[in-house]
Amino acid sequence: MEVLPSLNAFDPFVRVLESGQNMTEQQRRFLAFDAKFVTVQPSFDVPVVQNHLSFMKAIYKLFVSVDPSFTYKDPATGYNMPSPTSRAFLSKAVQRYHAWIIKSLPVRSGSGPLDKHELPPIDVLAILHAHMLSPGRFLEDIRLRFPELGRLGPFPLSQLV
């Protein structure tokens, strides 16, 4: 029994090939381009993914402990929006993140990954994680506001476990 369907089932070009229909020139060019990337190996390993999932689970538990609903559907836009309690929590977490950068990072003796005793609380780590997921903004903030962040190195997933 196959748990997940083959990705080929979702690819319209593969379905065309399997059905015996003629491919358009655009489909042939796309497949030729796509074939260059078929042999690319993933750039991660299982323990890194497991650590990341554990971290995301911890963030989720924290957010749900603050406000079980955490979001509400905005009637005007139809989008899910953070609840007032969640917005207040996130705003405080951003303030604590800025304070951590200003007070804790300058006193570090060197650069590179954080030691376990240097790790901030989970809410601050969640904001650091979100900040690092926007590399352009993160780099801009390193240059203009928080040069201390440039000495951190990669996100400290391995130290969280």
Protein backbone atom coordinates (compact mmCIF):
# COMPACT_ATOMS: atom_id res chain seq x y z
CA MET A 1 0.00 0.00 0.00
CA GLU A 2 1.39 3.41 -0.98
CA VAL A 3 1.03 5.93 1.84
CA LEU A 4 1.72 9.00 -0.28
CA PRO A 5 0.83 9.28 -3.96
CA SER A 6 3.68 9.60 -6.39
CA LEU A 7 4.59 13.19 -7.15
CA ASN A 8 4.21 12.21 -10.79
CA ALA A 9 0.44 12.05 -10.24
CA PHE A 10 0.48 15.81 -9.67
CA ASP A 11 2.72 16.71 -12.60
CA PRO A 12 0.67 17.53 -15.72
CA PHE A 13 3.65 16.90 -18.00
CA VAL A 14 4.16 13.40 -16.63
CA ARG A 15 0.44 12.70 -17.06
CA VAL A 16 0.73 13.78 -20.72
CA LEU A 17 3.67 11.41 -21.20
CA GLU A 18 1.88 8.53 -19.48
CA SER A 19 -1.29 9.09 -21.52
CA GLY A 20 0.61 8.81 -24.80
CA GLN A 21 -0.43 12.28 -25.95
CA ASN A 22 1.98 14.43 -27.92
CA MET A 23 3.87 17.00 -25.91
CA THR A 24 4.08 20.63 -26.90
CA GLU A 25 7.44 22.26 -27.51
CA GLN A 26 7.03 24.21 -24.26
CA GLN A 27 6.46 20.98 -22.31
CA ARG A 28 9.56 19.40 -23.90
CA ARG A 29 11.70 22.43 -22.98
CA PHE A 30 10.35 22.41 -19.44
CA LEU A 31 11.13 18.72 -18.98
CA ALA A 32 14.64 19.21 -20.38
CA PHE A 33 15.19 22.09 -17.95
CA ASP A 34 13.65 20.15 -15.04
CA ALA A 35 15.84 17.10 -15.76
CA LYS A 36 18.94 19.08 -14.77
CA PHE A 37 17.69 19.15 -11.17
CA VAL A 38 16.55 15.54 -10.82
CA THR A 39 19.86 14.30 -9.41
CA VAL A 40 20.31 17.09 -6.86
CA GLN A 41 20.84 15.64 -3.41
CA PRO A 42 19.09 17.22 -0.43
CA SER A 43 21.26 19.64 1.53
CA PHE A 44 20.01 18.51 4.94
CA ASP A 45 20.14 15.43 7.05
CA VAL A 46 17.52 13.71 9.16
CA PRO A 47 18.75 14.90 12.60
CA VAL A 48 18.65 18.53 11.44
CA VAL A 49 15.07 18.11 10.22
CA GLN A 50 14.10 16.37 13.48
CA ASN A 51 15.64 19.20 15.52
CA HIS A 52 13.82 21.78 13.44
CA LEU A 53 10.49 20.00 13.82
CA SER A 54 11.03 19.71 17.58
CA PHE A 55 11.73 23.44 17.74
CA MET A 56 8.63 24.26 15.69
CA LYS A 57 6.55 22.01 17.98
CA ALA A 58 7.87 23.87 21.03
CA ILE A 59 6.93 27.21 19.46
CA TYR A 60 3.47 25.90 18.63
CA LYS A 61 2.97 24.69 22.21
CA LEU A 62 4.08 28.08 23.52
CA PHE A 63 1.70 29.97 21.25
CA VAL A 64 -1.23 27.70 22.10
CA SER A 65 -0.49 28.06 25.82
CA VAL A 66 -0.74 31.84 25.42
CA ASP A 67 -4.00 31.75 23.49
CA PRO A 68 -5.56 28.43 22.41
CA SER A 69 -7.24 29.99 19.37
CA PHE A 70 -4.22 32.23 18.58
CA THR A 71 -5.91 33.53 15.43
CA TYR A 72 -9.31 34.65 14.27
CA LYS A 73 -10.78 35.13 10.82
CA ASP A 74 -10.99 38.83 10.01
CA PRO A 75 -14.51 39.41 8.66
CA ALA A 76 -13.34 42.32 6.49
CA THR A 77 -10.54 40.46 4.68
CA GLY A 78 -11.28 36.80 5.34
CA TYR A 79 -7.67 36.27 6.41
CA ASN A 80 -6.57 34.60 9.64
CA MET A 81 -5.18 37.29 11.91
CA PRO A 82 -3.46 37.03 15.29
CA SER A 83 -5.86 37.51 18.17
CA PRO A 84 -5.36 40.58 20.41
CA THR A 85 -3.76 38.35 23.06
CA SER A 86 -1.44 36.84 20.46
CA ARG A 87 -0.48 40.26 19.10
CA ALA A 88 0.38 41.46 22.60
CA PHE A 89 2.45 38.32 23.21
CA LEU A 90 4.33 38.68 19.92
CA SER A 91 4.93 42.38 20.53
CA LYS A 92 6.43 41.59 23.93
CA ALA A 93 8.54 38.82 22.39
CA VAL A 94 9.93 41.29 19.83
CA GLN A 95 10.78 43.72 22.66
CA ARG A 96 12.54 40.92 24.54
CA TYR A 97 14.39 39.96 21.34
CA HIS A 98 15.68 43.51 20.90
CA ALA A 99 16.71 43.64 24.57
CA TRP A 100 18.51 40.29 24.21
CA ILE A 101 20.43 41.59 21.19
CA ILE A 102 21.40 44.83 22.89
CA LYS A 103 22.25 43.43 26.34
CA SER A 104 23.45 39.86 25.79
CA LEU A 105 25.18 39.71 22.44
CA PRO A 106 27.75 42.49 22.98
CA VAL A 107 29.15 40.74 26.07
CA ARG A 108 29.86 37.50 24.17
CA SER A 109 33.54 36.72 24.05
CA GLY A 110 33.62 35.62 20.41
CA SER A 111 31.60 34.84 17.38
CA GLY A 112 29.97 31.66 16.15
CA PRO A 113 27.19 29.47 17.50
CA LEU A 114 25.68 30.28 20.86
CA ASP A 115 26.59 28.12 23.83
CA LYS A 116 23.74 26.52 25.76
CA HIS A 117 24.02 29.08 28.57
CA GLU A 118 23.75 31.93 26.01
CA LEU A 119 20.46 30.76 24.50
CA PRO A 120 17.55 33.15 25.02
CA PRO A 121 14.06 32.01 26.10
CA ILE A 122 11.88 30.20 23.56
CA ASP A 123 9.80 33.27 22.67
CA VAL A 124 12.98 35.20 21.80
CA LEU A 125 14.27 32.20 19.82
CA ALA A 126 11.00 32.16 17.87
CA ILE A 127 11.51 35.81 16.89
CA LEU A 128 15.17 35.17 16.02
CA HIS A 129 14.07 32.24 13.85
CA ALA A 130 11.46 34.36 12.06
CA HIS A 131 14.01 37.15 11.60
CA MET A 132 16.56 34.77 10.07
CA LEU A 133 13.90 33.43 7.67
CA SER A 134 13.96 36.81 5.96
CA PRO A 135 17.61 36.95 4.87
CA GLY A 136 17.38 40.34 3.17
CA ARG A 137 15.84 42.02 6.21
CA PHE A 138 18.18 40.12 8.54
CA LEU A 139 21.26 41.30 6.62
CA GLU A 140 19.93 44.87 6.52
CA ASP A 141 19.38 44.79 10.28
CA ILE A 142 22.91 43.46 10.82
CA ARG A 143 24.34 46.31 8.78
CA LEU A 144 22.19 49.15 10.10
CA ARG A 145 20.86 48.27 13.56
CA PHE A 146 22.32 45.18 15.17
CA PRO A 147 25.87 44.34 14.02
CA GLU A 148 26.05 41.88 16.94
CA LEU A 149 23.72 39.54 15.04
CA GLY A 150 26.40 39.09 12.39
CA ARG A 151 28.55 37.17 14.87
CA LEU A 152 25.88 34.57 15.68
CA GLY A 153 26.43 32.10 12.88
CA PRO A 154 23.62 29.73 11.92
CA PHE A 155 20.45 29.30 13.94
CA PRO A 156 21.35 27.28 17.09
CA LEU A 157 19.16 24.22 16.43
CA SER A 158 21.70 21.71 17.66
CA GLN A 159 22.07 23.54 20.99
CA LEU A 160 18.32 23.43 21.65
CA VAL A 161 18.07 19.67 21.94
